[in-house]
Amino acid sequence: MTKRESLMHLTPRHLESVRSMAMGKSTIAELQEHLTQNFDRFFGPLRKRKRDRVPSDSLRQEIMVWQILSRVQESRDDPELMAACKAQLARDVALIQAAALAEANI
């Protein structure tokens, strides 16, 4: 993978956010606007030092947002995947609630 390709490569951090975005109620257009405006806050800058940034970084960032939104749409279009995500979320919430209840009883 070249340096340019690695700058546009989606990391596990990007992919983890896909699931939560897919389960949300926001439209793709709303997600695109929000991700574009807050990309650095969510995922960190493409380059560590500001002085190393180049004008094409904004294009790379837009491509990454497009890749993320494509995966969000794919997830929304797959009913089995969405059902599995919702079931996992329900299990996680139940586990957290049970742990909180057990801690409160101690």
PDB file of N, CA and C in Angstrom:
ATOM      1  N   MET A   1       0.844  -1.170   0.000  1.00  0.00           N
ATOM      2  CA  MET A   1       0.000   0.000   0.000  1.00  0.00           C
ATOM      3  C   MET A   1       0.894   1.239   0.000  1.00  0.00           C
ATOM      4  N   THR A   2       0.617   2.140  -0.925  1.00  0.00           N
ATOM      5  CA  THR A   2       1.406   3.366  -0.999  1.00  0.00           C
ATOM      6  C   THR A   2       0.973   4.342   0.093  1.00  0.00           C
ATOM      7  N   LYS A   3       1.753   5.377   0.273  1.00  0.00           N
ATOM      8  CA  LYS A   3       1.437   6.393   1.273  1.00  0.00           C
ATOM      9  C   LYS A   3       0.093   7.049   0.966  1.00  0.00           C
ATOM     10  N   ARG A   4      -0.162   7.337  -0.291  1.00  0.00           N
ATOM     11  CA  ARG A   4      -1.442   7.945  -0.673  1.00  0.00           C
ATOM     12  C   ARG A   4      -2.600   7.010  -0.380  1.00  0.00           C
ATOM     13  N   GLU A   5      -2.440   5.739  -0.701  1.00  0.00           N
ATOM     14  CA  GLU A   5      -3.507   4.773  -0.419  1.00  0.00           C
ATOM     15  C   GLU A   5      -3.742   4.644   1.073  1.00  0.00           C
ATOM     16  N   SER A   6      -2.681   4.653   1.849  1.00  0.00           N
ATOM     17  CA  SER A   6      -2.840   4.499   3.290  1.00  0.00           C
ATOM     18  C   SER A   6      -3.559   5.694   3.907  1.00  0.00           C
ATOM     19  N   LEU A   7      -3.415   6.863   3.302  1.00  0.00           N
ATOM     20  CA  LEU A   7      -4.121   8.041   3.810  1.00  0.00           C
ATOM     21  C   LEU A   7      -5.631   7.932   3.601  1.00  0.00           C
ATOM     22  N   MET A   8      -6.072   7.123   2.642  1.00  0.00           N
ATOM     23  CA  MET A   8      -7.499   6.967   2.373  1.00  0.00           C
ATOM     24  C   MET A   8      -8.040   5.632   2.876  1.00  0.00           C
ATOM     25  N   HIS A   9      -7.213   4.843   3.507  1.00  0.00           N
ATOM     26  CA  HIS A   9      -7.620   3.530   3.984  1.00  0.00           C
ATOM     27  C   HIS A   9      -8.499   3.663   5.228  1.00  0.00           C
ATOM     28  N   LEU A  10      -9.659   3.007   5.218  1.00  0.00           N
ATOM     29  CA  LEU A  10     -10.534   3.056   6.384  1.00  0.00           C
ATOM     30  C   LEU A  10      -9.982   2.142   7.469  1.00  0.00           C
ATOM     31  N   THR A  11      -9.839   2.678   8.650  1.00  0.00           N
ATOM     32  CA  THR A  11      -9.296   1.931   9.785  1.00  0.00           C
ATOM     33  C   THR A  11     -10.434   1.307  10.590  1.00  0.00           C
ATOM     34  N   PRO A  12     -10.114   0.434  11.541  1.00  0.00           N
ATOM     35  CA  PRO A  12     -11.173  -0.123  12.394  1.00  0.00           C
ATOM     36  C   PRO A  12     -11.983   0.964  13.104  1.00  0.00           C
ATOM     37  N   ARG A  13     -11.351   2.069  13.420  1.00  0.00           N
ATOM     38  CA  ARG A  13     -12.074   3.170  14.055  1.00  0.00           C
ATOM     39  C   ARG A  13     -13.150   3.728  13.131  1.00  0.00           C
ATOM     40  N   HIS A  14     -12.844   3.847  11.836  1.00  0.00           N
ATOM     41  CA  HIS A  14     -13.843   4.303  10.869  1.00  0.00           C
ATOM     42  C   HIS A  14     -14.967   3.280  10.765  1.00  0.00           C
ATOM     43  N   LEU A  15     -14.587   2.012  10.656  1.00  0.00           N
ATOM     44  CA  LEU A  15     -15.573   0.964  10.435  1.00  0.00           C
ATOM     45  C   LEU A  15     -16.483   0.764  11.644  1.00  0.00           C
ATOM     46  N   GLU A  16     -15.964   0.988  12.836  1.00  0.00           N
ATOM     47  CA  GLU A  16     -16.792   0.869  14.042  1.00  0.00           C
ATOM     48  C   GLU A  16     -17.895   1.913  14.027  1.00  0.00           C
ATOM     49  N   SER A  17     -17.585   3.089  13.521  1.00  0.00           N
ATOM     50  CA  SER A  17     -18.595   4.145  13.483  1.00  0.00           C
ATOM     51  C   SER A  17     -19.677   3.870  12.451  1.00  0.00           C
ATOM     52  N   VAL A  18     -19.388   3.050  11.452  1.00  0.00           N
ATOM     53  CA  VAL A  18     -20.376   2.728  10.419  1.00  0.00           C
ATOM     54  C   VAL A  18     -21.600   2.077  11.048  1.00  0.00           C
ATOM     55  N   ARG A  19     -21.381   1.140  11.946  1.00  0.00           N
ATOM     56  CA  ARG A  19     -22.495   0.422  12.557  1.00  0.00           C
ATOM     57  C   ARG A  19     -23.409   1.369  13.331  1.00  0.00           C
ATOM     58  N   SER A  20     -22.822   2.249  14.112  1.00  0.00           N
ATOM     59  CA  SER A  20     -23.660   3.159  14.885  1.00  0.00           C
ATOM     60  C   SER A  20     -24.378   4.165  13.980  1.00  0.00           C
ATOM     61  N   MET A  21     -23.712   4.607  12.924  1.00  0.00           N
ATOM     62  CA  MET A  21     -24.376   5.522  11.991  1.00  0.00           C
ATOM     63  C   MET A  21     -25.510   4.830  11.252  1.00  0.00           C
ATOM     64  N   ALA A  22     -25.312   3.561  10.897  1.00  0.00           N
ATOM     65  CA  ALA A  22     -26.348   2.819  10.179  1.00  0.00           C
ATOM     66  C   ALA A  22     -27.588   2.638  11.035  1.00  0.00           C
ATOM     67  N   MET A  23     -27.399   2.503  12.339  1.00  0.00           N
ATOM     68  CA  MET A  23     -28.530   2.299  13.228  1.00  0.00           C
ATOM     69  C   MET A  23     -29.224   3.613  13.581  1.00  0.00           C
ATOM     70  N   GLY A  24     -28.596   4.730  13.304  1.00  0.00           N
ATOM     71  CA  GLY A  24     -29.159   6.040  13.621  1.00  0.00           C
ATOM     72  C   GLY A  24     -30.276   6.438  12.674  1.00  0.00           C
ATOM     73  N   LYS A  25     -30.920   7.522  12.998  1.00  0.00           N
ATOM     74  CA  LYS A  25     -32.065   8.007  12.219  1.00  0.00           C
ATOM     75  C   LYS A  25     -31.682   9.065  11.193  1.00  0.00           C
ATOM     76  N   SER A  26     -30.436   9.512  11.190  1.00  0.00           N
ATOM     77  CA  SER A  26     -30.007  10.576  10.276  1.00  0.00           C
ATOM     78  C   SER A  26     -30.021  10.088   8.835  1.00  0.00           C
ATOM     79  N   THR A  27     -30.329  11.013   7.928  1.00  0.00           N
ATOM     80  CA  THR A  27     -30.268  10.679   6.510  1.00  0.00           C
ATOM     81  C   THR A  27     -28.803  10.680   6.064  1.00  0.00           C
ATOM     82  N   ILE A  28     -28.573  10.126   4.895  1.00  0.00           N
ATOM     83  CA  ILE A  28     -27.213  10.091   4.356  1.00  0.00           C
ATOM     84  C   ILE A  28     -26.695  11.519   4.143  1.00  0.00           C
ATOM     85  N   ALA A  29     -27.556  12.405   3.668  1.00  0.00           N
ATOM     86  CA  ALA A  29     -27.130  13.800   3.448  1.00  0.00           C
ATOM     87  C   ALA A  29     -26.745  14.466   4.764  1.00  0.00           C
ATOM     88  N   GLU A  30     -27.511  14.219   5.818  1.00  0.00           N
ATOM     89  CA  GLU A  30     -27.172  14.781   7.127  1.00  0.00           C
ATOM     90  C   GLU A  30     -25.859  14.214   7.653  1.00  0.00           C
ATOM     91  N   LEU A  31     -25.678  12.912   7.477  1.00  0.00           N
ATOM     92  CA  LEU A  31     -24.433  12.288   7.908  1.00  0.00           C
ATOM     93  C   LEU A  31     -23.246  12.847   7.133  1.00  0.00           C
ATOM     94  N   GLN A  32     -23.430  13.038   5.836  1.00  0.00           N
ATOM     95  CA  GLN A  32     -22.341  13.571   5.014  1.00  0.00           C
ATOM     96  C   GLN A  32     -21.943  14.954   5.489  1.00  0.00           C
ATOM     97  N   GLU A  33     -22.904  15.808   5.731  1.00  0.00           N
ATOM     98  CA  GLU A  33     -22.601  17.156   6.192  1.00  0.00           C
ATOM     99  C   GLU A  33     -21.892  17.121   7.545  1.00  0.00           C
ATOM    100  N   HIS A  34     -22.403  16.303   8.453  1.00  0.00           N
ATOM    101  CA  HIS A  34     -21.827  16.219   9.796  1.00  0.00           C
ATOM    102  C   HIS A  34     -20.408  15.649   9.772  1.00  0.00           C
ATOM    103  N   LEU A  35     -20.200  14.587   9.007  1.00  0.00           N
ATOM    104  CA  LEU A  35     -18.866  13.983   8.914  1.00  0.00           C
ATOM    105  C   LEU A  35     -17.867  14.932   8.256  1.00  0.00           C
ATOM    106  N   THR A  36     -18.307  15.614   7.208  1.00  0.00           N
ATOM    107  CA  THR A  36     -17.406  16.524   6.507  1.00  0.00           C
ATOM    108  C   THR A  36     -16.966  17.667   7.414  1.00  0.00           C
ATOM    109  N   GLN A  37     -17.904  18.208   8.194  1.00  0.00           N
ATOM    110  CA  GLN A  37     -17.571  19.329   9.070  1.00  0.00           C
ATOM    111  C   GLN A  37     -16.742  18.901  10.281  1.00  0.00           C
ATOM    112  N   ASN A  38     -16.929  17.668  10.746  1.00  0.00           N
ATOM    113  CA  ASN A  38     -16.297  17.230  11.999  1.00  0.00           C
ATOM    114  C   ASN A  38     -15.342  16.053  11.831  1.00  0.00           C
ATOM    115  N   PHE A  39     -14.798  15.870  10.644  1.00  0.00           N
ATOM    116  CA  PHE A  39     -13.967  14.700  10.365  1.00  0.00           C
ATOM    117  C   PHE A  39     -12.781  14.603  11.321  1.00  0.00           C
ATOM    118  N   ASP A  40     -12.060  15.686  11.492  1.00  0.00           N
ATOM    119  CA  ASP A  40     -10.868  15.666  12.362  1.00  0.00           C
ATOM    120  C   ASP A  40     -11.235  15.332  13.797  1.00  0.00           C
ATOM    121  N   ARG A  41     -12.374  15.805  14.240  1.00  0.00           N
ATOM    122  CA  ARG A  41     -12.787  15.534  15.617  1.00  0.00           C
ATOM    123  C   ARG A  41     -13.119  14.060  15.821  1.00  0.00           C
ATOM    124  N   PHE A  42     -13.782  13.451  14.844  1.00  0.00           N
ATOM    125  CA  PHE A  42     -14.154  12.042  14.964  1.00  0.00           C
ATOM    126  C   PHE A  42     -12.987  11.097  14.764  1.00  0.00           C
ATOM    127  N   PHE A  43     -12.206  11.341  13.727  1.00  0.00           N
ATOM    128  CA  PHE A  43     -11.196  10.373  13.308  1.00  0.00           C
ATOM    129  C   PHE A  43      -9.768  10.879  13.398  1.00  0.00           C
ATOM    130  N   GLY A  44      -9.590  12.114  13.767  1.00  0.00           N
ATOM    131  CA  GLY A  44      -8.249  12.676  13.804  1.00  0.00           C
ATOM    132  C   GLY A  44      -7.853  13.170  12.424  1.00  0.00           C
ATOM    133  N   PRO A  45      -6.861  14.043  12.357  1.00  0.00           N
ATOM    134  CA  PRO A  45      -6.429  14.570  11.059  1.00  0.00           C
ATOM    135  C   PRO A  45      -5.724  13.491  10.226  1.00  0.00           C
ATOM    136  N   LEU A  46      -5.749  13.678   8.927  1.00  0.00           N
ATOM    137  CA  LEU A  46      -5.059  12.733   8.037  1.00  0.00           C
ATOM    138  C   LEU A  46      -3.553  12.768   8.264  1.00  0.00           C
ATOM    139  N   ARG A  47      -3.041  13.929   8.572  1.00  0.00           N
ATOM    140  CA  ARG A  47      -1.607  14.087   8.840  1.00  0.00           C
ATOM    141  C   ARG A  47      -1.444  14.686  10.231  1.00  0.00           C
ATOM    142  N   LYS A  48      -0.441  14.218  10.935  1.00  0.00           N
ATOM    143  CA  LYS A  48      -0.252  14.647  12.319  1.00  0.00           C
ATOM    144  C   LYS A  48       0.102  16.118  12.444  1.00  0.00           C
ATOM    145  N   ARG A  49       0.955  16.584  11.573  1.00  0.00           N
ATOM    146  CA  ARG A  49       1.405  17.978  11.669  1.00  0.00           C
ATOM    147  C   ARG A  49       0.691  18.835  10.614  1.00  0.00           C
ATOM    148  N   LYS A  50       0.222  19.990  11.043  1.00  0.00           N
ATOM    149  CA  LYS A  50      -0.480  20.884  10.119  1.00  0.00           C
ATOM    150  C   LYS A  50       0.413  21.321   8.968  1.00  0.00           C
ATOM    151  N   ARG A  51       1.679  21.494   9.248  1.00  0.00           N
ATOM    152  CA  ARG A  51       2.586  21.973   8.196  1.00  0.00           C
ATOM    153  C   ARG A  51       2.748  20.951   7.070  1.00  0.00           C
ATOM    154  N   ASP A  52       2.446  19.673   7.344  1.00  0.00           N
ATOM    155  CA  ASP A  52       2.567  18.629   6.327  1.00  0.00           C
ATOM    156  C   ASP A  52       1.310  18.486   5.471  1.00  0.00           C
ATOM    157  N   ARG A  53       0.241  19.178   5.836  1.00  0.00           N
ATOM    158  CA  ARG A  53      -1.011  19.060   5.092  1.00  0.00           C
ATOM    159  C   ARG A  53      -0.872  19.700   3.719  1.00  0.00           C
ATOM    160  N   VAL A  54      -1.582  19.104   2.761  1.00  0.00           N
ATOM    161  CA  VAL A  54      -1.580  19.601   1.390  1.00  0.00           C
ATOM    162  C   VAL A  54      -3.028  19.794   0.946  1.00  0.00           C
ATOM    163  N   PRO A  55      -3.261  20.586  -0.095  1.00  0.00           N
ATOM    164  CA  PRO A  55      -4.636  20.835  -0.541  1.00  0.00           C
ATOM    165  C   PRO A  55      -5.416  19.563  -0.894  1.00  0.00           C
ATOM    166  N   SER A  56      -4.738  18.551  -1.375  1.00  0.00           N
ATOM    167  CA  SER A  56      -5.443  17.328  -1.768  1.00  0.00           C
ATOM    168  C   SER A  56      -5.940  16.522  -0.563  1.00  0.00           C
ATOM    169  N   ASP A  57      -5.534  16.901   0.645  1.00  0.00           N
ATOM    170  CA  ASP A  57      -6.028  16.199   1.835  1.00  0.00           C
ATOM    171  C   ASP A  57      -7.542  16.337   1.972  1.00  0.00           C
ATOM    172  N   SER A  58      -8.095  17.489   1.570  1.00  0.00           N
ATOM    173  CA  SER A  58      -9.545  17.654   1.653  1.00  0.00           C
ATOM    174  C   SER A  58     -10.253  16.702   0.691  1.00  0.00           C
ATOM    175  N   LEU A  59      -9.646  16.455  -0.474  1.00  0.00           N
ATOM    176  CA  LEU A  59     -10.213  15.487  -1.412  1.00  0.00           C
ATOM    177  C   LEU A  59     -10.154  14.081  -0.826  1.00  0.00           C
ATOM    178  N   ARG A  60      -9.037  13.726  -0.211  1.00  0.00           N
ATOM    179  CA  ARG A  60      -8.911  12.414   0.434  1.00  0.00           C
ATOM    180  C   ARG A  60      -9.963  12.254   1.528  1.00  0.00           C
ATOM    181  N   GLN A  61     -10.154  13.306   2.287  1.00  0.00           N
ATOM    182  CA  GLN A  61     -11.136  13.284   3.365  1.00  0.00           C
ATOM    183  C   GLN A  61     -12.544  13.066   2.794  1.00  0.00           C
ATOM    184  N   GLU A  62     -12.869  13.745   1.696  1.00  0.00           N
ATOM    185  CA  GLU A  62     -14.174  13.571   1.053  1.00  0.00           C
ATOM    186  C   GLU A  62     -14.342  12.145   0.540  1.00  0.00           C
ATOM    187  N   ILE A  63     -13.279  11.577   0.004  1.00  0.00           N
ATOM    188  CA  ILE A  63     -13.346  10.188  -0.482  1.00  0.00           C
ATOM    189  C   ILE A  63     -13.606   9.239   0.686  1.00  0.00           C
ATOM    190  N   MET A  64     -12.952   9.474   1.808  1.00  0.00           N
ATOM    191  CA  MET A  64     -13.161   8.625   2.983  1.00  0.00           C
ATOM    192  C   MET A  64     -14.588   8.765   3.512  1.00  0.00           C
ATOM    193  N   VAL A  65     -15.112   9.979   3.522  1.00  0.00           N
ATOM    194  CA  VAL A  65     -16.499  10.185   3.953  1.00  0.00           C
ATOM    195  C   VAL A  65     -17.427   9.426   3.010  1.00  0.00           C
ATOM    196  N   TRP A  66     -17.175   9.501   1.714  1.00  0.00           N
ATOM    197  CA  TRP A  66     -17.983   8.783   0.735  1.00  0.00           C
ATOM    198  C   TRP A  66     -17.920   7.270   0.987  1.00  0.00           C
ATOM    199  N   GLN A  67     -16.719   6.738   1.269  1.00  0.00           N
ATOM    200  CA  GLN A  67     -16.585   5.307   1.557  1.00  0.00           C
ATOM    201  C   GLN A  67     -17.380   4.921   2.810  1.00  0.00           C
ATOM    202  N   ILE A  68     -17.305   5.750   3.835  1.00  0.00           N
ATOM    203  CA  ILE A  68     -18.030   5.476   5.074  1.00  0.00           C
ATOM    204  C   ILE A  68     -19.529   5.487   4.804  1.00  0.00           C
ATOM    205  N   LEU A  69     -20.008   6.498   4.075  1.00  0.00           N
ATOM    206  CA  LEU A  69     -21.438   6.600   3.793  1.00  0.00           C
ATOM    207  C   LEU A  69     -21.923   5.457   2.909  1.00  0.00           C
ATOM    208  N   SER A  70     -21.082   4.989   2.005  1.00  0.00           N
ATOM    209  CA  SER A  70     -21.451   3.826   1.179  1.00  0.00           C
ATOM    210  C   SER A  70     -21.652   2.591   2.052  1.00  0.00           C
ATOM    211  N   ARG A  71     -20.774   2.412   3.018  1.00  0.00           N
ATOM    212  CA  ARG A  71     -20.915   1.273   3.930  1.00  0.00           C
ATOM    213  C   ARG A  71     -22.124   1.433   4.846  1.00  0.00           C
ATOM    214  N   VAL A  72     -22.412   2.657   5.253  1.00  0.00           N
ATOM    215  CA  VAL A  72     -23.610   2.898   6.065  1.00  0.00           C
ATOM    216  C   VAL A  72     -24.853   2.498   5.265  1.00  0.00           C
ATOM    217  N   GLN A  73     -24.913   2.931   4.004  1.00  0.00           N
ATOM    218  CA  GLN A  73     -26.071   2.602   3.164  1.00  0.00           C
ATOM    219  C   GLN A  73     -26.171   1.101   2.928  1.00  0.00           C
ATOM    220  N   GLU A  74     -25.050   0.430   2.700  1.00  0.00           N
ATOM    221  CA  GLU A  74     -25.056  -1.024   2.533  1.00  0.00           C
ATOM    222  C   GLU A  74     -25.589  -1.711   3.787  1.00  0.00           C
ATOM    223  N   SER A  75     -25.183  -1.220   4.947  1.00  0.00           N
ATOM    224  CA  SER A  75     -25.653  -1.799   6.206  1.00  0.00           C
ATOM    225  C   SER A  75     -27.144  -1.584   6.367  1.00  0.00           C
ATOM    226  N   ARG A  76     -27.620  -0.409   6.028  1.00  0.00           N
ATOM    227  CA  ARG A  76     -29.056  -0.126   6.135  1.00  0.00           C
ATOM    228  C   ARG A  76     -29.870  -0.971   5.169  1.00  0.00           C
ATOM    229  N   ASP A  77     -29.288  -1.285   4.020  1.00  0.00           N
ATOM    230  CA  ASP A  77     -30.001  -2.074   3.012  1.00  0.00           C
ATOM    231  C   ASP A  77     -30.034  -3.563   3.335  1.00  0.00           C
ATOM    232  N   ASP A  78     -29.233  -4.010   4.289  1.00  0.00           N
ATOM    233  CA  ASP A  78     -29.163  -5.433   4.658  1.00  0.00           C
ATOM    234  C   ASP A  78     -29.961  -5.662   5.943  1.00  0.00           C
ATOM    235  N   PRO A  79     -31.208  -6.165   5.826  1.00  0.00           N
ATOM    236  CA  PRO A  79     -32.057  -6.330   7.015  1.00  0.00           C
ATOM    237  C   PRO A  79     -31.482  -7.326   8.026  1.00  0.00           C
ATOM    238  N   GLU A  80     -30.809  -8.355   7.555  1.00  0.00           N
ATOM    239  CA  GLU A  80     -30.226  -9.339   8.473  1.00  0.00           C
ATOM    240  C   GLU A  80     -29.119  -8.703   9.310  1.00  0.00           C
ATOM    241  N   LEU A  81     -28.291  -7.922   8.683  1.00  0.00           N
ATOM    242  CA  LEU A  81     -27.205  -7.251   9.387  1.00  0.00           C
ATOM    243  C   LEU A  81     -27.753  -6.260  10.416  1.00  0.00           C
ATOM    244  N   MET A  82     -28.767  -5.495  10.023  1.00  0.00           N
ATOM    245  CA  MET A  82     -29.360  -4.534  10.951  1.00  0.00           C
ATOM    246  C   MET A  82     -30.016  -5.248  12.130  1.00  0.00           C
ATOM    247  N   ALA A  83     -30.678  -6.359  11.869  1.00  0.00           N
ATOM    248  CA  ALA A  83     -31.300  -7.118  12.957  1.00  0.00           C
ATOM    249  C   ALA A  83     -30.231  -7.650  13.911  1.00  0.00           C
ATOM    250  N   ALA A  84     -29.131  -8.135  13.369  1.00  0.00           N
ATOM    251  CA  ALA A  84     -28.043  -8.644  14.196  1.00  0.00           C
ATOM    252  C   ALA A  84     -27.421  -7.512  15.029  1.00  0.00           C
ATOM    253  N   CYS A  85     -27.257  -6.341  14.430  1.00  0.00           N
ATOM    254  CA  CYS A  85     -26.694  -5.191  15.159  1.00  0.00           C
ATOM    255  C   CYS A  85     -27.622  -4.763  16.286  1.00  0.00           C
ATOM    256  N   LYS A  86     -28.920  -4.722  16.013  1.00  0.00           N
ATOM    257  CA  LYS A  86     -29.884  -4.322  17.043  1.00  0.00           C
ATOM    258  C   LYS A  86     -29.941  -5.350  18.168  1.00  0.00           C
ATOM    259  N   ALA A  87     -29.846  -6.630  17.815  1.00  0.00           N
ATOM    260  CA  ALA A  87     -29.844  -7.678  18.836  1.00  0.00           C
ATOM    261  C   ALA A  87     -28.583  -7.570  19.704  1.00  0.00           C
ATOM    262  N   GLN A  88     -27.444  -7.326  19.090  1.00  0.00           N
ATOM    263  CA  GLN A  88     -26.201  -7.160  19.840  1.00  0.00           C
ATOM    264  C   GLN A  88     -26.273  -5.951  20.752  1.00  0.00           C
ATOM    265  N   LEU A  89     -26.849  -4.869  20.260  1.00  0.00           N
ATOM    266  CA  LEU A  89     -27.014  -3.670  21.073  1.00  0.00           C
ATOM    267  C   LEU A  89     -27.914  -3.947  22.278  1.00  0.00           C
ATOM    268  N   ALA A  90     -28.996  -4.669  22.052  1.00  0.00           N
ATOM    269  CA  ALA A  90     -29.904  -5.007  23.154  1.00  0.00           C
ATOM    270  C   ALA A  90     -29.193  -5.873  24.197  1.00  0.00           C
ATOM    271  N   ARG A  91     -28.378  -6.833  23.747  1.00  0.00           N
ATOM    272  CA  ARG A  91     -27.617  -7.676  24.681  1.00  0.00           C
ATOM    273  C   ARG A  91     -26.621  -6.833  25.477  1.00  0.00           C
ATOM    274  N   ASP A  92     -25.943  -5.910  24.802  1.00  0.00           N
ATOM    275  CA  ASP A  92     -24.967  -5.053  25.482  1.00  0.00           C
ATOM    276  C   ASP A  92     -25.642  -4.173  26.535  1.00  0.00           C
ATOM    277  N   VAL A  93     -26.799  -3.608  26.187  1.00  0.00           N
ATOM    278  CA  VAL A  93     -27.523  -2.758  27.130  1.00  0.00           C
ATOM    279  C   VAL A  93     -27.976  -3.580  28.336  1.00  0.00           C
ATOM    280  N   ALA A  94     -28.498  -4.781  28.083  1.00  0.00           N
ATOM    281  CA  ALA A  94     -28.945  -5.644  29.181  1.00  0.00           C
ATOM    282  C   ALA A  94     -27.775  -6.012  30.094  1.00  0.00           C
ATOM    283  N   LEU A  95     -26.624  -6.282  29.519  1.00  0.00           N
ATOM    284  CA  LEU A  95     -25.440  -6.631  30.299  1.00  0.00           C
ATOM    285  C   LEU A  95     -24.987  -5.448  31.167  1.00  0.00           C
ATOM    286  N   ILE A  96     -24.997  -4.277  30.599  1.00  0.00           N
ATOM    287  CA  ILE A  96     -24.604  -3.079  31.348  1.00  0.00           C
ATOM    288  C   ILE A  96     -25.597  -2.809  32.477  1.00  0.00           C
ATOM    289  N   GLN A  97     -26.870  -2.958  32.189  1.00  0.00           N
ATOM    290  CA  GLN A  97     -27.888  -2.727  33.218  1.00  0.00           C
ATOM    291  C   GLN A  97     -27.769  -3.752  34.338  1.00  0.00           C
ATOM    292  N   ALA A  98     -27.520  -5.011  33.983  1.00  0.00           N
ATOM    293  CA  ALA A  98     -27.362  -6.050  35.003  1.00  0.00           C
ATOM    294  C   ALA A  98     -26.135  -5.777  35.873  1.00  0.00           C
ATOM    295  N   ALA A  99     -25.052  -5.336  35.265  1.00  0.00           N
ATOM    296  CA  ALA A  99     -23.839  -5.026  36.019  1.00  0.00           C
ATOM    297  C   ALA A  99     -24.076  -3.835  36.947  1.00  0.00           C
ATOM    298  N   ALA A 100     -24.790  -2.830  36.474  1.00  0.00           N
ATOM    299  CA  ALA A 100     -25.095  -1.660  37.307  1.00  0.00           C
ATOM    300  C   ALA A 100     -25.998  -2.049  38.478  1.00  0.00           C
ATOM    301  N   LEU A 101     -26.959  -2.929  38.239  1.00  0.00           N
ATOM    302  CA  LEU A 101     -27.871  -3.372  39.278  1.00  0.00           C
ATOM    303  C   LEU A 101     -27.107  -4.192  40.316  1.00  0.00           C
ATOM    304  N   ALA A 102     -26.232  -5.070  39.850  1.00  0.00           N
ATOM    305  CA  ALA A 102     -25.434  -5.882  40.782  1.00  0.00           C
ATOM    306  C   ALA A 102     -24.508  -5.010  41.613  1.00  0.00           C
ATOM    307  N   GLU A 103     -23.935  -3.998  41.018  1.00  0.00           N
ATOM    308  CA  GLU A 103     -23.052  -3.089  41.754  1.00  0.00           C
ATOM    309  C   GLU A 103     -23.843  -2.268  42.770  1.00  0.00           C
ATOM    310  N   ALA A 104     -25.058  -1.904  42.421  1.00  0.00           N
ATOM    311  CA  ALA A 104     -25.892  -1.124  43.351  1.00  0.00           C
ATOM    312  C   ALA A 104     -26.321  -1.964  44.551  1.00  0.00           C
ATOM    313  N   ASN A 105     -26.439  -3.266  44.362  1.00  0.00           N
ATOM    314  CA  ASN A 105     -26.861  -4.162  45.451  1.00  0.00           C
ATOM    315  C   ASN A 105     -25.718  -4.544  46.376  1.00  0.00           C
ATOM    316  N   ILE A 106     -24.525  -4.206  46.016  1.00  0.00           N
ATOM    317  CA  ILE A 106     -23.361  -4.574  46.849  1.00  0.00           C
ATOM    318  C   ILE A 106     -23.207  -3.626  47.989  1.00  0.00           C
TER     319      ILE A 106
END
